[in-house]
Amino acid sequence: MSPTVFKESGYRFFFFSREEERMHVHVVSGDGEAKFWLEPEIELAKNHKYSRKQLKQIESLVEVHYNEVVSAWQQHFRSGSN
């Protein structure tokens, strides 16, 4: 199960259930996919096919939606998915 947190600018932001404990978010679109750590700060963890310009745009979307993503993470993983 990979719940979508939000979609914007053609990107889907989501996380996988039971993947790993460190808070992060995945992003995917027709152009590629990436993973960003959310703690201790927002940081690129993995990138597949996105340009630097796209990664900058994605990172800014993560920043804008940071509280929403963290809240969704806590709600999802607190709700017995562990």
C-alpha atoms as a PDB file:
ATOM      1  CA  MET A   1       0.000   0.000   0.000  1.00  0.00           C
ATOM      2  CA  SER A   2       1.373   3.409  -0.914  1.00  0.00           C
ATOM      3  CA  PRO A   3      -0.946   6.206   0.225  1.00  0.00           C
ATOM      4  CA  THR A   4      -0.840   9.423  -1.785  1.00  0.00           C
ATOM      5  CA  VAL A   5      -0.258  12.480   0.388  1.00  0.00           C
ATOM      6  CA  PHE A   6      -0.813  15.052  -2.361  1.00  0.00           C
ATOM      7  CA  LYS A   7      -0.471  15.649  -6.100  1.00  0.00           C
ATOM      8  CA  GLU A   8       0.825  18.855  -7.628  1.00  0.00           C
ATOM      9  CA  SER A   9       2.447  19.977 -10.897  1.00  0.00           C
ATOM     10  CA  GLY A  10       2.229  16.442 -12.315  1.00  0.00           C
ATOM     11  CA  TYR A  11       4.000  14.860  -9.335  1.00  0.00           C
ATOM     12  CA  ARG A  12       2.518  12.369  -6.878  1.00  0.00           C
ATOM     13  CA  PHE A  13       3.900  12.469  -3.343  1.00  0.00           C
ATOM     14  CA  PHE A  14       3.477   9.299  -1.313  1.00  0.00           C
ATOM     15  CA  PHE A  15       5.101   6.805   1.027  1.00  0.00           C
ATOM     16  CA  PHE A  16       5.291   3.052   1.219  1.00  0.00           C
ATOM     17  CA  SER A  17       3.947   1.190   4.214  1.00  0.00           C
ATOM     18  CA  ARG A  18       6.531  -0.610   6.323  1.00  0.00           C
ATOM     19  CA  GLU A  19       9.533   0.619   4.381  1.00  0.00           C
ATOM     20  CA  GLU A  20      11.806   2.249   6.953  1.00  0.00           C
ATOM     21  CA  GLU A  21      11.428   4.315  10.106  1.00  0.00           C
ATOM     22  CA  ARG A  22      13.208   7.517   9.096  1.00  0.00           C
ATOM     23  CA  MET A  23      10.587   9.981   7.884  1.00  0.00           C
ATOM     24  CA  HIS A  24      10.679  10.507   4.114  1.00  0.00           C
ATOM     25  CA  VAL A  25       8.463  10.987   1.083  1.00  0.00           C
ATOM     26  CA  HIS A  26       8.582   9.493  -2.402  1.00  0.00           C
ATOM     27  CA  VAL A  27       7.678  11.390  -5.553  1.00  0.00           C
ATOM     28  CA  VAL A  28       6.881  10.016  -8.978  1.00  0.00           C
ATOM     29  CA  SER A  29       5.813  11.382 -12.359  1.00  0.00           C
ATOM     30  CA  GLY A  30       6.157  10.397 -15.986  1.00  0.00           C
ATOM     31  CA  ASP A  31       9.686  11.824 -15.949  1.00  0.00           C
ATOM     32  CA  GLY A  32      11.147   9.858 -13.066  1.00  0.00           C
ATOM     33  CA  GLU A  33      11.061   9.219  -9.355  1.00  0.00           C
ATOM     34  CA  ALA A  34      12.842  10.400  -6.226  1.00  0.00           C
ATOM     35  CA  LYS A  35      12.898  10.087  -2.458  1.00  0.00           C
ATOM     36  CA  PHE A  36      13.421  12.918   0.022  1.00  0.00           C
ATOM     37  CA  TRP A  37      14.322  12.615   3.689  1.00  0.00           C
ATOM     38  CA  LEU A  38      12.191  14.862   5.890  1.00  0.00           C
ATOM     39  CA  GLU A  39      14.391  14.684   8.977  1.00  0.00           C
ATOM     40  CA  PRO A  40      16.641  15.995  10.326  1.00  0.00           C
ATOM     41  CA  GLU A  41      16.097  18.277   7.315  1.00  0.00           C
ATOM     42  CA  ILE A  42      14.664  18.004   3.822  1.00  0.00           C
ATOM     43  CA  GLU A  43      17.328  16.278   1.738  1.00  0.00           C
ATOM     44  CA  LEU A  44      17.418  14.262  -1.467  1.00  0.00           C
ATOM     45  CA  ALA A  45      17.873  10.551  -0.702  1.00  0.00           C
ATOM     46  CA  LYS A  46      17.482   8.995  -4.170  1.00  0.00           C
ATOM     47  CA  ASN A  47      16.904  10.250  -7.691  1.00  0.00           C
ATOM     48  CA  HIS A  48      16.055   8.402 -10.880  1.00  0.00           C
ATOM     49  CA  LYS A  49      15.915  10.486 -14.078  1.00  0.00           C
ATOM     50  CA  TYR A  50      14.962  13.907 -12.666  1.00  0.00           C
ATOM     51  CA  SER A  51      17.015  16.942 -13.721  1.00  0.00           C
ATOM     52  CA  ARG A  52      18.466  19.352 -11.173  1.00  0.00           C
ATOM     53  CA  LYS A  53      15.775  21.860 -12.123  1.00  0.00           C
ATOM     54  CA  GLN A  54      13.024  19.293 -11.479  1.00  0.00           C
ATOM     55  CA  LEU A  55      14.600  18.264  -8.161  1.00  0.00           C
ATOM     56  CA  LYS A  56      14.658  21.902  -7.074  1.00  0.00           C
ATOM     57  CA  GLN A  57      10.969  22.259  -7.960  1.00  0.00           C
ATOM     58  CA  ILE A  58      10.097  19.008  -6.152  1.00  0.00           C
ATOM     59  CA  GLU A  59      12.060  20.020  -3.065  1.00  0.00           C
ATOM     60  CA  SER A  60      10.219  23.348  -2.932  1.00  0.00           C
ATOM     61  CA  LEU A  61       6.881  21.478  -3.127  1.00  0.00           C
ATOM     62  CA  VAL A  62       8.002  19.258  -0.237  1.00  0.00           C
ATOM     63  CA  GLU A  63       8.846  22.420   1.734  1.00  0.00           C
ATOM     64  CA  VAL A  64       5.448  24.001   1.021  1.00  0.00           C
ATOM     65  CA  HIS A  65       3.592  20.816   2.007  1.00  0.00           C
ATOM     66  CA  TYR A  66       5.982  19.801   4.804  1.00  0.00           C
ATOM     67  CA  ASN A  67       3.453  19.962   7.661  1.00  0.00           C
ATOM     68  CA  GLU A  68       0.865  18.079   5.601  1.00  0.00           C
ATOM     69  CA  VAL A  69       3.363  15.323   4.763  1.00  0.00           C
ATOM     70  CA  VAL A  70       4.584  14.971   8.360  1.00  0.00           C
ATOM     71  CA  SER A  71       1.009  14.873   9.643  1.00  0.00           C
ATOM     72  CA  ALA A  72       0.037  12.221   7.065  1.00  0.00           C
ATOM     73  CA  TRP A  73       3.144  10.175   7.970  1.00  0.00           C
ATOM     74  CA  GLN A  74       2.344  10.269  11.677  1.00  0.00           C
ATOM     75  CA  GLN A  75      -1.312   9.435  11.105  1.00  0.00           C
ATOM     76  CA  HIS A  76      -0.522   6.576   8.711  1.00  0.00           C
ATOM     77  CA  PHE A  77       2.198   4.931  10.777  1.00  0.00           C
ATOM     78  CA  ARG A  78       0.420   5.494  14.081  1.00  0.00           C
ATOM     79  CA  SER A  79      -2.757   3.849  12.782  1.00  0.00           C
ATOM     80  CA  GLY A  80      -1.467   0.324  13.191  1.00  0.00           C
ATOM     81  CA  SER A  81       0.456  -0.035   9.939  1.00  0.00           C
ATOM     82  CA  ASN A  82       3.621  -0.916  11.867  1.00  0.00           C
END
